[in-house]
Amino acid sequence: MLNKLLPMPLHTLILTGVWLLLNDFTAGHLVLGLLLGLMIPWLAARLSDPHPRVQRPGLAFLYLLKVLWDIVISNFEVAYRVLRSNKHLRPGLIALPLDLRGDFPLAILASTISLTPGTVSVDFSDDLQWLYIHALHIDDEQALIDTIKTRYEAPLREIFGC
């Protein structure tokens, strides 16, 4: 019951506090700030799409470290390839079959791929069964797919339990 009346208590406190900081601290502004702090989250809560909860926060931290490491290593690999002649590059578009479900985990996967230099997430298929990825250089398409699935998709499935 309380959760329906006060769906986002932290947001209520922040909105009320910001309102009071922006205006004079009077009884009228306190009442108006509380009213806005209660009504805005109450209205917005019905519009929000619940995200899956992180089931394994320790694994999420390790995933973040892995992605940061991959970004650093990929920067060197891309710099090496770009500084060489362009005739050595074999860019291409691949279709990654997805086992991951949920908008939020899929967005994290696509962002991870785009953050890693040398690859960019292009689009999802309409049925969310495929993620299209552009790669700066592809030696072996299946090896790239396997790497993304084991290095990024599998840990995200564990983190979010999907």
N, C-alpha and C. Protein backbone atom coordinates (compact mmCIF):
# COMPACT_ATOMS: atom_id res chain seq x y z
N MET A 1 0.82 -1.20 0.00
CA MET A 1 0.00 0.00 0.00
C MET A 1 0.87 1.26 0.00
N LEU A 2 1.85 1.29 0.91
CA LEU A 2 2.73 2.45 0.99
C LEU A 2 3.56 2.58 -0.28
N ASN A 3 3.91 1.45 -0.88
CA ASN A 3 4.70 1.46 -2.11
C ASN A 3 3.92 2.11 -3.26
N LYS A 4 2.59 1.97 -3.27
CA LYS A 4 1.79 2.61 -4.33
C LYS A 4 1.66 4.11 -4.10
N LEU A 5 1.57 4.52 -2.84
CA LEU A 5 1.45 5.95 -2.53
C LEU A 5 2.79 6.67 -2.64
N LEU A 6 3.84 5.97 -2.27
CA LEU A 6 5.18 6.57 -2.28
C LEU A 6 6.12 5.63 -3.04
N PRO A 7 6.01 5.59 -4.39
CA PRO A 7 6.75 4.59 -5.16
C PRO A 7 8.26 4.83 -5.20
N MET A 8 8.69 6.09 -5.10
CA MET A 8 10.11 6.40 -5.17
C MET A 8 10.46 7.38 -4.04
N PRO A 9 10.65 6.89 -2.82
CA PRO A 9 10.87 7.79 -1.69
C PRO A 9 12.13 8.64 -1.82
N LEU A 10 13.19 8.08 -2.37
CA LEU A 10 14.41 8.85 -2.55
C LEU A 10 14.19 10.01 -3.51
N HIS A 11 13.46 9.76 -4.58
CA HIS A 11 13.14 10.82 -5.54
C HIS A 11 12.30 11.91 -4.89
N THR A 12 11.37 11.51 -4.04
CA THR A 12 10.54 12.48 -3.33
C THR A 12 11.40 13.40 -2.48
N LEU A 13 12.34 12.82 -1.74
CA LEU A 13 13.23 13.64 -0.90
C LEU A 13 14.10 14.56 -1.74
N ILE A 14 14.63 14.05 -2.82
CA ILE A 14 15.50 14.87 -3.67
C ILE A 14 14.72 16.01 -4.29
N LEU A 15 13.54 15.72 -4.85
CA LEU A 15 12.74 16.78 -5.47
C LEU A 15 12.34 17.84 -4.45
N THR A 16 11.93 17.41 -3.26
CA THR A 16 11.55 18.38 -2.23
C THR A 16 12.76 19.20 -1.81
N GLY A 17 13.90 18.55 -1.62
CA GLY A 17 15.12 19.27 -1.23
C GLY A 17 15.57 20.27 -2.28
N VAL A 18 15.53 19.87 -3.54
CA VAL A 18 15.93 20.79 -4.62
C VAL A 18 14.96 21.97 -4.70
N TRP A 19 13.67 21.70 -4.52
CA TRP A 19 12.69 22.78 -4.54
C TRP A 19 12.98 23.80 -3.43
N LEU A 20 13.30 23.30 -2.25
CA LEU A 20 13.59 24.19 -1.14
C LEU A 20 14.91 24.94 -1.33
N LEU A 21 15.86 24.33 -1.98
CA LEU A 21 17.12 25.02 -2.26
C LEU A 21 16.94 26.12 -3.31
N LEU A 22 16.03 25.92 -4.24
CA LEU A 22 15.82 26.90 -5.30
C LEU A 22 14.90 28.04 -4.87
N ASN A 23 14.18 27.88 -3.78
CA ASN A 23 13.23 28.88 -3.32
C ASN A 23 13.51 29.24 -1.87
N ASP A 24 12.83 30.28 -1.41
CA ASP A 24 12.93 30.65 0.00
C ASP A 24 12.32 29.56 0.86
N PHE A 25 12.91 29.34 2.01
CA PHE A 25 12.38 28.32 2.91
C PHE A 25 11.23 28.92 3.71
N THR A 26 10.03 28.72 3.19
CA THR A 26 8.82 29.18 3.88
C THR A 26 7.87 27.99 3.96
N ALA A 27 6.84 28.14 4.77
CA ALA A 27 5.86 27.06 4.94
C ALA A 27 5.18 26.75 3.61
N GLY A 28 4.86 27.77 2.84
CA GLY A 28 4.21 27.57 1.55
C GLY A 28 5.08 26.79 0.58
N HIS A 29 6.37 27.15 0.52
CA HIS A 29 7.28 26.43 -0.37
C HIS A 29 7.55 25.02 0.12
N LEU A 30 7.53 24.83 1.44
CA LEU A 30 7.70 23.48 1.96
C LEU A 30 6.52 22.60 1.55
N VAL A 31 5.31 23.11 1.67
CA VAL A 31 4.12 22.36 1.29
C VAL A 31 4.13 22.10 -0.22
N LEU A 32 4.43 23.13 -1.01
CA LEU A 32 4.46 22.96 -2.46
C LEU A 32 5.57 21.98 -2.87
N GLY A 33 6.73 22.07 -2.23
CA GLY A 33 7.83 21.15 -2.53
C GLY A 33 7.46 19.72 -2.20
N LEU A 34 6.80 19.51 -1.05
CA LEU A 34 6.35 18.16 -0.70
C LEU A 34 5.30 17.65 -1.67
N LEU A 35 4.39 18.54 -2.06
CA LEU A 35 3.35 18.15 -3.02
C LEU A 35 3.98 17.74 -4.36
N LEU A 36 4.91 18.54 -4.85
CA LEU A 36 5.59 18.19 -6.11
C LEU A 36 6.44 16.93 -5.94
N GLY A 37 7.11 16.83 -4.79
CA GLY A 37 7.95 15.67 -4.52
C GLY A 37 7.15 14.38 -4.42
N LEU A 38 5.89 14.48 -4.04
CA LEU A 38 5.03 13.29 -3.99
C LEU A 38 4.36 13.00 -5.33
N MET A 39 3.90 14.04 -6.01
CA MET A 39 3.12 13.84 -7.23
C MET A 39 3.97 13.45 -8.44
N ILE A 40 5.12 14.06 -8.60
CA ILE A 40 5.94 13.76 -9.78
C ILE A 40 6.39 12.30 -9.79
N PRO A 41 6.96 11.76 -8.70
CA PRO A 41 7.32 10.33 -8.72
C PRO A 41 6.09 9.42 -8.85
N TRP A 42 4.97 9.81 -8.25
CA TRP A 42 3.76 9.00 -8.33
C TRP A 42 3.28 8.90 -9.78
N LEU A 43 3.31 10.02 -10.51
CA LEU A 43 2.92 10.01 -11.92
C LEU A 43 3.96 9.30 -12.79
N ALA A 44 5.22 9.51 -12.49
CA ALA A 44 6.29 8.92 -13.32
C ALA A 44 6.43 7.41 -13.09
N ALA A 45 6.06 6.93 -11.93
CA ALA A 45 6.22 5.50 -11.62
C ALA A 45 5.38 4.64 -12.56
N ARG A 46 4.24 5.14 -12.96
CA ARG A 46 3.39 4.37 -13.88
C ARG A 46 3.97 4.30 -15.28
N LEU A 47 4.86 5.23 -15.60
CA LEU A 47 5.47 5.25 -16.94
C LEU A 47 6.75 4.44 -17.02
N SER A 48 7.32 4.13 -15.87
CA SER A 48 8.62 3.46 -15.89
C SER A 48 8.47 1.97 -16.15
N ASP A 49 9.46 1.44 -16.82
CA ASP A 49 9.52 0.02 -17.13
C ASP A 49 10.47 -0.61 -16.12
N PRO A 50 10.02 -1.57 -15.34
CA PRO A 50 10.91 -2.14 -14.32
C PRO A 50 12.09 -2.88 -14.97
N HIS A 51 13.27 -2.57 -14.49
CA HIS A 51 14.48 -3.21 -14.99
C HIS A 51 14.75 -4.48 -14.18
N PRO A 52 15.36 -5.46 -14.81
CA PRO A 52 15.72 -6.64 -14.03
C PRO A 52 16.76 -6.29 -12.97
N ARG A 53 16.67 -6.94 -11.86
CA ARG A 53 17.61 -6.69 -10.76
C ARG A 53 18.92 -7.42 -11.01
N VAL A 54 19.99 -6.82 -10.52
CA VAL A 54 21.29 -7.47 -10.59
C VAL A 54 21.28 -8.60 -9.58
N GLN A 55 21.44 -9.82 -10.07
CA GLN A 55 21.42 -10.99 -9.20
C GLN A 55 22.78 -11.24 -8.55
N ARG A 56 23.84 -10.87 -9.26
CA ARG A 56 25.20 -11.13 -8.77
C ARG A 56 26.03 -9.86 -8.87
N PRO A 57 25.99 -8.98 -7.84
CA PRO A 57 26.72 -7.71 -7.90
C PRO A 57 28.24 -7.88 -7.99
N GLY A 58 28.79 -8.91 -7.36
CA GLY A 58 30.23 -9.14 -7.46
C GLY A 58 30.64 -9.44 -8.89
N LEU A 59 29.84 -10.23 -9.56
CA LEU A 59 30.10 -10.56 -10.96
C LEU A 59 29.94 -9.31 -11.84
N ALA A 60 29.00 -8.43 -11.48
CA ALA A 60 28.82 -7.18 -12.23
C ALA A 60 30.07 -6.31 -12.12
N PHE A 61 30.68 -6.27 -10.95
CA PHE A 61 31.91 -5.50 -10.77
C PHE A 61 33.04 -6.10 -11.60
N LEU A 62 33.16 -7.42 -11.59
CA LEU A 62 34.18 -8.08 -12.41
C LEU A 62 33.94 -7.85 -13.89
N TYR A 63 32.67 -7.83 -14.29
CA TYR A 63 32.31 -7.55 -15.69
C TYR A 63 32.79 -6.14 -16.06
N LEU A 64 32.57 -5.18 -15.19
CA LEU A 64 33.00 -3.81 -15.44
C LEU A 64 34.52 -3.74 -15.61
N LEU A 65 35.25 -4.44 -14.74
CA LEU A 65 36.71 -4.45 -14.87
C LEU A 65 37.15 -5.11 -16.18
N LYS A 66 36.48 -6.18 -16.56
CA LYS A 66 36.80 -6.87 -17.81
C LYS A 66 36.57 -5.94 -19.01
N VAL A 67 35.47 -5.20 -19.00
CA VAL A 67 35.16 -4.29 -20.10
C VAL A 67 36.19 -3.17 -20.16
N LEU A 68 36.55 -2.62 -19.01
CA LEU A 68 37.57 -1.56 -18.99
C LEU A 68 38.90 -2.08 -19.54
N TRP A 69 39.28 -3.30 -19.17
CA TRP A 69 40.51 -3.90 -19.69
C TRP A 69 40.42 -4.09 -21.21
N ASP A 70 39.29 -4.59 -21.67
CA ASP A 70 39.10 -4.80 -23.11
C ASP A 70 39.15 -3.49 -23.88
N ILE A 71 38.65 -2.42 -23.30
CA ILE A 71 38.71 -1.11 -23.95
C ILE A 71 40.15 -0.67 -24.14
N VAL A 72 40.97 -0.84 -23.10
CA VAL A 72 42.38 -0.46 -23.18
C VAL A 72 43.11 -1.29 -24.23
N ILE A 73 42.94 -2.61 -24.18
CA ILE A 73 43.62 -3.50 -25.13
C ILE A 73 43.15 -3.22 -26.56
N SER A 74 41.84 -3.02 -26.73
CA SER A 74 41.30 -2.77 -28.07
C SER A 74 41.81 -1.46 -28.65
N ASN A 75 42.05 -0.47 -27.82
CA ASN A 75 42.61 0.79 -28.31
C ASN A 75 43.97 0.56 -28.96
N PHE A 76 44.79 -0.27 -28.33
CA PHE A 76 46.10 -0.56 -28.92
C PHE A 76 45.96 -1.36 -30.22
N GLU A 77 45.06 -2.33 -30.23
CA GLU A 77 44.86 -3.13 -31.44
C GLU A 77 44.35 -2.27 -32.60
N VAL A 78 43.41 -1.39 -32.32
CA VAL A 78 42.86 -0.52 -33.37
C VAL A 78 43.93 0.46 -33.85
N ALA A 79 44.71 1.02 -32.94
CA ALA A 79 45.78 1.93 -33.34
C ALA A 79 46.78 1.21 -34.23
N TYR A 80 47.13 -0.01 -33.88
CA TYR A 80 48.07 -0.78 -34.70
C TYR A 80 47.50 -1.02 -36.10
N ARG A 81 46.24 -1.39 -36.17
CA ARG A 81 45.62 -1.68 -37.48
C ARG A 81 45.47 -0.41 -38.32
N VAL A 82 45.13 0.69 -37.69
CA VAL A 82 44.90 1.93 -38.43
C VAL A 82 46.21 2.52 -38.93
N LEU A 83 47.27 2.35 -38.16
CA LEU A 83 48.56 2.91 -38.57
C LEU A 83 49.20 2.11 -39.70
N ARG A 84 48.76 0.87 -39.88
CA ARG A 84 49.23 0.08 -41.01
C ARG A 84 48.45 0.49 -42.26
N SER A 85 48.78 -0.10 -43.35
CA SER A 85 48.09 0.19 -44.61
C SER A 85 46.64 -0.30 -44.53
N ASN A 86 45.76 0.43 -45.18
CA ASN A 86 44.34 0.07 -45.18
C ASN A 86 44.06 -1.24 -45.91
N LYS A 87 44.98 -1.69 -46.73
CA LYS A 87 44.73 -2.93 -47.45
C LYS A 87 44.74 -4.14 -46.52
N HIS A 88 45.24 -3.97 -45.29
CA HIS A 88 45.24 -5.06 -44.31
C HIS A 88 43.91 -5.15 -43.55
N LEU A 89 43.10 -4.13 -43.65
CA LEU A 89 41.82 -4.13 -42.92
C LEU A 89 40.77 -4.94 -43.68
N ARG A 90 39.97 -5.67 -42.93
CA ARG A 90 38.84 -6.41 -43.51
C ARG A 90 37.60 -6.10 -42.68
N PRO A 91 37.01 -4.92 -42.90
CA PRO A 91 35.81 -4.57 -42.13
C PRO A 91 34.64 -5.44 -42.56
N GLY A 92 33.68 -5.56 -41.68
CA GLY A 92 32.51 -6.36 -42.03
C GLY A 92 31.39 -6.20 -41.03
N LEU A 93 30.26 -6.72 -41.43
CA LEU A 93 29.05 -6.69 -40.62
C LEU A 93 28.72 -8.13 -40.26
N ILE A 94 28.48 -8.38 -38.97
CA ILE A 94 28.12 -9.73 -38.54
C ILE A 94 26.77 -9.70 -37.83
N ALA A 95 26.11 -10.83 -37.82
CA ALA A 95 24.85 -10.99 -37.10
C ALA A 95 25.12 -11.91 -35.91
N LEU A 96 24.94 -11.37 -34.71
CA LEU A 96 25.18 -12.12 -33.48
C LEU A 96 23.85 -12.69 -32.99
N PRO A 97 23.72 -14.02 -32.92
CA PRO A 97 22.48 -14.59 -32.37
C PRO A 97 22.45 -14.35 -30.86
N LEU A 98 21.29 -13.94 -30.36
CA LEU A 98 21.18 -13.55 -28.95
C LEU A 98 20.47 -14.61 -28.11
N ASP A 99 21.06 -14.93 -26.98
CA ASP A 99 20.41 -15.76 -25.97
C ASP A 99 19.93 -14.90 -24.81
N LEU A 100 20.42 -13.69 -24.72
CA LEU A 100 20.09 -12.75 -23.65
C LEU A 100 18.71 -12.16 -23.90
N ARG A 101 17.95 -11.96 -22.84
CA ARG A 101 16.60 -11.40 -22.95
C ARG A 101 16.46 -10.19 -22.02
N GLY A 102 15.58 -9.31 -22.37
CA GLY A 102 15.32 -8.12 -21.57
C GLY A 102 15.95 -6.90 -22.20
N ASP A 103 15.20 -5.81 -22.20
CA ASP A 103 15.69 -4.59 -22.85
C ASP A 103 16.95 -4.05 -22.19
N PHE A 104 16.97 -4.02 -20.87
CA PHE A 104 18.11 -3.44 -20.16
C PHE A 104 19.39 -4.27 -20.36
N PRO A 105 19.37 -5.60 -20.15
CA PRO A 105 20.58 -6.37 -20.43
C PRO A 105 21.04 -6.29 -21.88
N LEU A 106 20.09 -6.25 -22.81
CA LEU A 106 20.46 -6.11 -24.22
C LEU A 106 21.10 -4.75 -24.50
N ALA A 107 20.60 -3.72 -23.85
CA ALA A 107 21.20 -2.38 -24.01
C ALA A 107 22.62 -2.36 -23.46
N ILE A 108 22.84 -3.05 -22.34
CA ILE A 108 24.19 -3.11 -21.78
C ILE A 108 25.13 -3.87 -22.73
N LEU A 109 24.65 -4.97 -23.29
CA LEU A 109 25.47 -5.72 -24.25
C LEU A 109 25.83 -4.86 -25.46
N ALA A 110 24.84 -4.18 -26.03
CA ALA A 110 25.09 -3.33 -27.20
C ALA A 110 26.04 -2.18 -26.85
N SER A 111 25.88 -1.61 -25.67
CA SER A 111 26.77 -0.52 -25.24
C SER A 111 28.19 -1.03 -25.04
N THR A 112 28.32 -2.20 -24.44
CA THR A 112 29.65 -2.78 -24.23
C THR A 112 30.36 -2.99 -25.56
N ILE A 113 29.65 -3.51 -26.53
CA ILE A 113 30.25 -3.75 -27.85
C ILE A 113 30.65 -2.43 -28.50
N SER A 114 29.81 -1.42 -28.37
CA SER A 114 30.13 -0.12 -28.98
C SER A 114 31.25 0.61 -28.24
N LEU A 115 31.37 0.38 -26.93
CA LEU A 115 32.44 1.03 -26.17
C LEU A 115 33.81 0.43 -26.48
N THR A 116 33.83 -0.81 -26.89
CA THR A 116 35.09 -1.47 -27.20
C THR A 116 35.53 -1.03 -28.59
N PRO A 117 36.67 -0.36 -28.70
CA PRO A 117 37.12 0.12 -30.01
C PRO A 117 37.25 -1.01 -31.02
N GLY A 118 36.83 -0.71 -32.24
CA GLY A 118 36.91 -1.69 -33.32
C GLY A 118 35.59 -2.34 -33.63
N THR A 119 34.61 -2.21 -32.74
CA THR A 119 33.29 -2.78 -32.99
C THR A 119 32.23 -1.76 -32.62
N VAL A 120 31.12 -1.80 -33.36
CA VAL A 120 30.00 -0.91 -33.11
C VAL A 120 28.71 -1.70 -33.27
N SER A 121 27.83 -1.59 -32.28
CA SER A 121 26.50 -2.20 -32.41
C SER A 121 25.69 -1.36 -33.38
N VAL A 122 25.13 -2.00 -34.38
CA VAL A 122 24.41 -1.28 -35.41
C VAL A 122 22.91 -1.27 -35.14
N ASP A 123 22.33 -2.46 -34.93
CA ASP A 123 20.88 -2.54 -34.76
C ASP A 123 20.50 -3.92 -34.23
N PHE A 124 19.32 -3.98 -33.63
CA PHE A 124 18.73 -5.26 -33.25
C PHE A 124 17.72 -5.64 -34.33
N SER A 125 17.52 -6.94 -34.50
CA SER A 125 16.44 -7.38 -35.39
C SER A 125 15.11 -7.07 -34.71
N ASP A 126 14.04 -7.05 -35.47
CA ASP A 126 12.73 -6.70 -34.93
C ASP A 126 12.28 -7.65 -33.82
N ASP A 127 12.68 -8.90 -33.90
CA ASP A 127 12.27 -9.88 -32.89
C ASP A 127 13.29 -10.02 -31.76
N LEU A 128 14.32 -9.18 -31.75
CA LEU A 128 15.39 -9.17 -30.74
C LEU A 128 16.12 -10.51 -30.64
N GLN A 129 16.22 -11.22 -31.74
CA GLN A 129 16.94 -12.48 -31.78
C GLN A 129 18.37 -12.30 -32.31
N TRP A 130 18.66 -11.15 -32.94
CA TRP A 130 19.95 -10.90 -33.55
C TRP A 130 20.41 -9.48 -33.23
N LEU A 131 21.71 -9.34 -33.05
CA LEU A 131 22.33 -8.02 -32.91
C LEU A 131 23.33 -7.89 -34.05
N TYR A 132 23.18 -6.83 -34.84
CA TYR A 132 24.06 -6.61 -35.97
C TYR A 132 25.22 -5.72 -35.51
N ILE A 133 26.42 -6.16 -35.81
CA ILE A 133 27.64 -5.50 -35.33
C ILE A 133 28.55 -5.22 -36.51
N HIS A 134 29.11 -4.01 -36.54
CA HIS A 134 30.12 -3.69 -37.54
C HIS A 134 31.47 -3.79 -36.85
N ALA A 135 32.40 -4.48 -37.49
CA ALA A 135 33.75 -4.63 -36.95
C ALA A 135 34.74 -4.03 -37.92
N LEU A 136 35.75 -3.39 -37.38
CA LEU A 136 36.79 -2.76 -38.19
C LEU A 136 37.61 -3.81 -38.94
N HIS A 137 37.84 -4.94 -38.29
CA HIS A 137 38.64 -6.00 -38.91
C HIS A 137 38.12 -7.34 -38.43
N ILE A 138 37.81 -8.22 -39.38
CA ILE A 138 37.31 -9.55 -39.05
C ILE A 138 38.21 -10.59 -39.70
N ASP A 139 38.95 -11.33 -38.89
CA ASP A 139 39.74 -12.46 -39.39
C ASP A 139 38.84 -13.68 -39.53
N ASP A 140 38.07 -13.95 -38.46
CA ASP A 140 37.21 -15.12 -38.42
C ASP A 140 35.89 -14.70 -37.78
N GLU A 141 34.83 -14.68 -38.58
CA GLU A 141 33.52 -14.23 -38.11
C GLU A 141 33.03 -15.06 -36.93
N GLN A 142 33.16 -16.37 -37.01
CA GLN A 142 32.66 -17.24 -35.94
C GLN A 142 33.47 -17.04 -34.66
N ALA A 143 34.75 -16.80 -34.78
CA ALA A 143 35.58 -16.56 -33.60
C ALA A 143 35.14 -15.27 -32.89
N LEU A 144 34.81 -14.24 -33.66
CA LEU A 144 34.33 -12.99 -33.08
C LEU A 144 32.99 -13.21 -32.38
N ILE A 145 32.10 -13.94 -33.00
CA ILE A 145 30.80 -14.24 -32.39
C ILE A 145 31.00 -15.01 -31.09
N ASP A 146 31.85 -16.03 -31.12
CA ASP A 146 32.10 -16.84 -29.92
C ASP A 146 32.71 -16.00 -28.81
N THR A 147 33.62 -15.10 -29.16
CA THR A 147 34.25 -14.24 -28.16
C THR A 147 33.22 -13.34 -27.49
N ILE A 148 32.36 -12.72 -28.27
CA ILE A 148 31.35 -11.82 -27.71
C ILE A 148 30.37 -12.60 -26.84
N LYS A 149 29.98 -13.78 -27.28
CA LYS A 149 29.03 -14.58 -26.51
C LYS A 149 29.61 -15.05 -25.19
N THR A 150 30.87 -15.47 -25.19
CA THR A 150 31.46 -15.97 -23.94
C THR A 150 31.98 -14.85 -23.05
N ARG A 151 32.51 -13.80 -23.65
CA ARG A 151 33.13 -12.73 -22.86
C ARG A 151 32.12 -11.73 -22.32
N TYR A 152 31.03 -11.47 -23.05
CA TYR A 152 30.08 -10.45 -22.64
C TYR A 152 28.67 -10.99 -22.38
N GLU A 153 28.13 -11.75 -23.32
CA GLU A 153 26.74 -12.18 -23.17
C GLU A 153 26.54 -13.16 -22.02
N ALA A 154 27.41 -14.15 -21.91
CA ALA A 154 27.26 -15.14 -20.84
C ALA A 154 27.34 -14.51 -19.44
N PRO A 155 28.31 -13.64 -19.17
CA PRO A 155 28.32 -13.00 -17.84
C PRO A 155 27.08 -12.13 -17.58
N LEU A 156 26.57 -11.46 -18.63
CA LEU A 156 25.36 -10.65 -18.44
C LEU A 156 24.16 -11.53 -18.12
N ARG A 157 24.11 -12.70 -18.70
CA ARG A 157 23.01 -13.63 -18.37
C ARG A 157 23.09 -14.05 -16.91
N GLU A 158 24.30 -14.25 -16.40
CA GLU A 158 24.47 -14.59 -14.98
C GLU A 158 24.15 -13.41 -14.08
N ILE A 159 24.62 -12.24 -14.46
CA ILE A 159 24.40 -11.04 -13.64
C ILE A 159 22.93 -10.75 -13.46
N PHE A 160 22.17 -10.85 -14.55
CA PHE A 160 20.75 -10.51 -14.50
C PHE A 160 19.83 -11.72 -14.36
N GLY A 161 20.40 -12.90 -14.40
CA GLY A 161 19.60 -14.10 -14.23
C GLY A 161 18.57 -14.32 -15.33
N CYS A 162 18.98 -14.04 -16.57
CA CYS A 162 18.03 -14.22 -17.68
C CYS A 162 18.63 -15.03 -18.80
